[in-house]
Amino acid sequence: MDITAVLKVIWMVAASGLTILVLLHSPKGDGLGGLGGQAQLFSSAKSAEVTLNRVTWTLFSVFMGLTIVLSRLKA
């Protein structure tokens, strides 16, 4: 398995995770995040939102970085 294949797998996992996390975000405190029992995982809604934002931005950075790297490897 070459490095390009490994990067593509990581890229696809980041894309899937990013899609799920964006759906979990709630515009005004409700949304799909309430369906999975998100409130029980964190001590408060504020810490849940902060953690969700951090993980979303991290996955976004990984996704965009790998998009640039993979596009450069094709050229």
N, C-alpha and C. Protein backbone atom coordinates (compact mmCIF):
# COMPACT_ATOMS: atom_id res chain seq x y z
N MET A 1 0.86 -1.18 0.00
CA MET A 1 0.00 0.00 0.00
C MET A 1 0.90 1.24 0.00
N ASP A 2 0.74 2.08 -0.98
CA ASP A 2 1.60 3.26 -1.07
C ASP A 2 1.03 4.42 -0.26
N ILE A 3 1.81 5.47 -0.16
CA ILE A 3 1.45 6.62 0.69
C ILE A 3 0.20 7.33 0.17
N THR A 4 0.00 7.34 -1.14
CA THR A 4 -1.18 7.99 -1.70
C THR A 4 -2.46 7.29 -1.25
N ALA A 5 -2.44 5.97 -1.22
CA ALA A 5 -3.61 5.22 -0.79
C ALA A 5 -3.91 5.47 0.68
N VAL A 6 -2.87 5.54 1.50
CA VAL A 6 -3.06 5.82 2.93
C VAL A 6 -3.64 7.22 3.12
N LEU A 7 -3.12 8.20 2.40
CA LEU A 7 -3.63 9.56 2.49
C LEU A 7 -5.09 9.65 2.03
N LYS A 8 -5.44 8.89 1.00
CA LYS A 8 -6.82 8.89 0.51
C LYS A 8 -7.77 8.30 1.54
N VAL A 9 -7.34 7.25 2.25
CA VAL A 9 -8.18 6.65 3.29
C VAL A 9 -8.39 7.65 4.43
N ILE A 10 -7.33 8.31 4.86
CA ILE A 10 -7.44 9.32 5.92
C ILE A 10 -8.34 10.47 5.46
N TRP A 11 -8.19 10.86 4.20
CA TRP A 11 -9.01 11.93 3.62
C TRP A 11 -10.49 11.57 3.63
N MET A 12 -10.81 10.31 3.28
CA MET A 12 -12.21 9.88 3.27
C MET A 12 -12.78 9.78 4.68
N VAL A 13 -11.97 9.33 5.63
CA VAL A 13 -12.43 9.27 7.02
C VAL A 13 -12.69 10.68 7.54
N ALA A 14 -11.80 11.62 7.22
CA ALA A 14 -12.00 13.01 7.64
C ALA A 14 -13.25 13.59 7.01
N ALA A 15 -13.52 13.29 5.75
CA ALA A 15 -14.72 13.80 5.07
C ALA A 15 -15.98 13.24 5.72
N SER A 16 -15.97 11.96 6.03
CA SER A 16 -17.14 11.35 6.67
C SER A 16 -17.36 11.91 8.07
N GLY A 17 -16.29 12.03 8.82
CA GLY A 17 -16.39 12.59 10.17
C GLY A 17 -16.85 14.03 10.15
N LEU A 18 -16.36 14.78 9.20
CA LEU A 18 -16.76 16.18 9.07
C LEU A 18 -18.24 16.31 8.74
N THR A 19 -18.73 15.44 7.87
CA THR A 19 -20.16 15.44 7.53
C THR A 19 -21.01 15.16 8.76
N ILE A 20 -20.61 14.17 9.53
CA ILE A 20 -21.37 13.81 10.74
C ILE A 20 -21.33 14.94 11.76
N LEU A 21 -20.17 15.53 11.96
CA LEU A 21 -20.06 16.61 12.94
C LEU A 21 -20.84 17.85 12.55
N VAL A 22 -20.87 18.15 11.27
CA VAL A 22 -21.65 19.31 10.82
C VAL A 22 -23.14 19.07 11.07
N LEU A 23 -23.59 17.83 10.87
CA LEU A 23 -24.99 17.52 11.15
C LEU A 23 -25.29 17.56 12.64
N LEU A 24 -24.30 17.32 13.48
CA LEU A 24 -24.52 17.36 14.93
C LEU A 24 -24.60 18.78 15.46
N HIS A 25 -24.04 19.74 14.73
CA HIS A 25 -24.11 21.12 15.18
C HIS A 25 -25.55 21.59 15.24
N SER A 26 -25.84 22.36 16.24
CA SER A 26 -27.19 22.86 16.39
C SER A 26 -27.21 24.37 16.19
N PRO A 27 -28.10 24.86 15.36
CA PRO A 27 -28.13 26.30 15.10
C PRO A 27 -28.55 27.13 16.31
N LYS A 28 -29.48 26.62 17.13
CA LYS A 28 -29.94 27.40 18.28
C LYS A 28 -30.13 26.51 19.50
N GLY A 29 -29.25 25.56 19.70
CA GLY A 29 -29.33 24.72 20.88
C GLY A 29 -30.05 23.40 20.68
N ASP A 30 -30.74 23.24 19.56
CA ASP A 30 -31.41 21.98 19.26
C ASP A 30 -30.77 21.40 18.01
N GLY A 31 -31.34 20.37 17.49
CA GLY A 31 -30.85 19.78 16.26
C GLY A 31 -30.59 18.30 16.41
N LEU A 32 -29.84 17.76 15.48
CA LEU A 32 -29.57 16.34 15.50
C LEU A 32 -28.67 15.93 16.66
N GLY A 33 -27.96 16.87 17.25
CA GLY A 33 -27.10 16.56 18.39
C GLY A 33 -27.89 16.06 19.58
N GLY A 34 -29.12 16.47 19.72
CA GLY A 34 -29.94 16.02 20.83
C GLY A 34 -30.43 14.60 20.67
N LEU A 35 -30.41 14.06 19.47
CA LEU A 35 -30.91 12.71 19.24
C LEU A 35 -29.99 11.65 19.82
N GLY A 36 -28.69 11.88 19.80
CA GLY A 36 -27.75 10.86 20.24
C GLY A 36 -27.40 10.93 21.70
N GLY A 37 -28.08 11.70 22.48
CA GLY A 37 -27.76 11.81 23.89
C GLY A 37 -26.48 12.59 24.15
N GLN A 38 -26.24 13.58 23.34
CA GLN A 38 -25.01 14.37 23.45
C GLN A 38 -24.92 15.07 24.80
N ALA A 39 -26.03 15.40 25.38
CA ALA A 39 -26.02 16.15 26.64
C ALA A 39 -25.43 15.33 27.78
N GLN A 40 -25.55 14.01 27.75
CA GLN A 40 -25.01 13.18 28.82
C GLN A 40 -23.50 13.02 28.73
N LEU A 41 -22.91 13.28 27.58
CA LEU A 41 -21.48 13.09 27.41
C LEU A 41 -20.66 14.22 28.01
N PHE A 42 -21.23 15.38 28.17
CA PHE A 42 -20.52 16.56 28.62
C PHE A 42 -21.19 17.13 29.85
N SER A 43 -20.44 17.92 30.62
CA SER A 43 -21.00 18.49 31.84
C SER A 43 -22.00 19.61 31.56
N SER A 44 -21.85 20.28 30.43
CA SER A 44 -22.79 21.36 30.08
C SER A 44 -22.90 21.46 28.57
N ALA A 45 -23.93 22.15 28.14
CA ALA A 45 -24.13 22.35 26.70
C ALA A 45 -23.02 23.21 26.12
N LYS A 46 -22.51 24.15 26.92
CA LYS A 46 -21.43 25.02 26.45
C LYS A 46 -20.16 24.22 26.16
N SER A 47 -19.79 23.31 27.07
CA SER A 47 -18.58 22.51 26.84
C SER A 47 -18.78 21.56 25.66
N ALA A 48 -20.01 21.08 25.47
CA ALA A 48 -20.28 20.22 24.32
C ALA A 48 -20.10 20.99 23.02
N GLU A 49 -20.59 22.21 22.99
CA GLU A 49 -20.48 23.03 21.78
C GLU A 49 -19.02 23.40 21.50
N VAL A 50 -18.28 23.73 22.53
CA VAL A 50 -16.86 24.08 22.36
C VAL A 50 -16.08 22.88 21.84
N THR A 51 -16.32 21.71 22.42
CA THR A 51 -15.62 20.50 21.98
C THR A 51 -16.01 20.15 20.56
N LEU A 52 -17.28 20.25 20.24
CA LEU A 52 -17.74 19.96 18.89
C LEU A 52 -17.11 20.91 17.88
N ASN A 53 -17.00 22.18 18.23
CA ASN A 53 -16.36 23.15 17.33
C ASN A 53 -14.88 22.83 17.13
N ARG A 54 -14.19 22.48 18.20
CA ARG A 54 -12.75 22.17 18.07
C ARG A 54 -12.52 20.95 17.19
N VAL A 55 -13.30 19.91 17.41
CA VAL A 55 -13.13 18.69 16.61
C VAL A 55 -13.49 18.96 15.16
N THR A 56 -14.54 19.75 14.93
CA THR A 56 -14.94 20.08 13.56
C THR A 56 -13.85 20.87 12.84
N TRP A 57 -13.28 21.86 13.50
CA TRP A 57 -12.22 22.65 12.88
C TRP A 57 -10.96 21.82 12.64
N THR A 58 -10.67 20.90 13.55
CA THR A 58 -9.51 20.03 13.35
C THR A 58 -9.71 19.13 12.15
N LEU A 59 -10.87 18.50 12.06
CA LEU A 59 -11.15 17.65 10.90
C LEU A 59 -11.19 18.45 9.60
N PHE A 60 -11.71 19.67 9.67
CA PHE A 60 -11.72 20.53 8.49
C PHE A 60 -10.28 20.83 8.03
N SER A 61 -9.41 21.12 8.97
CA SER A 61 -8.01 21.40 8.63
C SER A 61 -7.32 20.19 8.02
N VAL A 62 -7.56 19.02 8.60
CA VAL A 62 -6.99 17.79 8.06
C VAL A 62 -7.52 17.54 6.65
N PHE A 63 -8.83 17.70 6.47
CA PHE A 63 -9.44 17.47 5.17
C PHE A 63 -8.88 18.42 4.11
N MET A 64 -8.82 19.71 4.43
CA MET A 64 -8.31 20.68 3.45
C MET A 64 -6.83 20.47 3.17
N GLY A 65 -6.06 20.18 4.22
CA GLY A 65 -4.63 19.93 4.02
C GLY A 65 -4.39 18.72 3.12
N LEU A 66 -5.12 17.65 3.37
CA LEU A 66 -4.97 16.46 2.53
C LEU A 66 -5.49 16.69 1.12
N THR A 67 -6.50 17.53 0.97
CA THR A 67 -6.99 17.86 -0.36
C THR A 67 -5.89 18.54 -1.18
N ILE A 68 -5.19 19.47 -0.56
CA ILE A 68 -4.10 20.16 -1.24
C ILE A 68 -2.95 19.21 -1.55
N VAL A 69 -2.58 18.38 -0.57
CA VAL A 69 -1.46 17.43 -0.77
C VAL A 69 -1.81 16.44 -1.88
N LEU A 70 -3.01 15.88 -1.83
CA LEU A 70 -3.39 14.89 -2.85
C LEU A 70 -3.49 15.52 -4.23
N SER A 71 -3.92 16.79 -4.32
CA SER A 71 -3.99 17.43 -5.63
C SER A 71 -2.59 17.69 -6.18
N ARG A 72 -1.64 17.96 -5.30
CA ARG A 72 -0.25 18.18 -5.73
C ARG A 72 0.39 16.86 -6.17
N LEU A 73 0.02 15.76 -5.53
CA LEU A 73 0.59 14.46 -5.90
C LEU A 73 0.10 13.99 -7.27
N LYS A 74 -1.10 14.42 -7.67
CA LYS A 74 -1.63 14.05 -8.98
C LYS A 74 -0.90 14.77 -10.10
N ALA A 75 -0.47 15.99 -9.84
CA ALA A 75 0.14 16.82 -10.90
C ALA A 75 1.55 16.43 -11.20
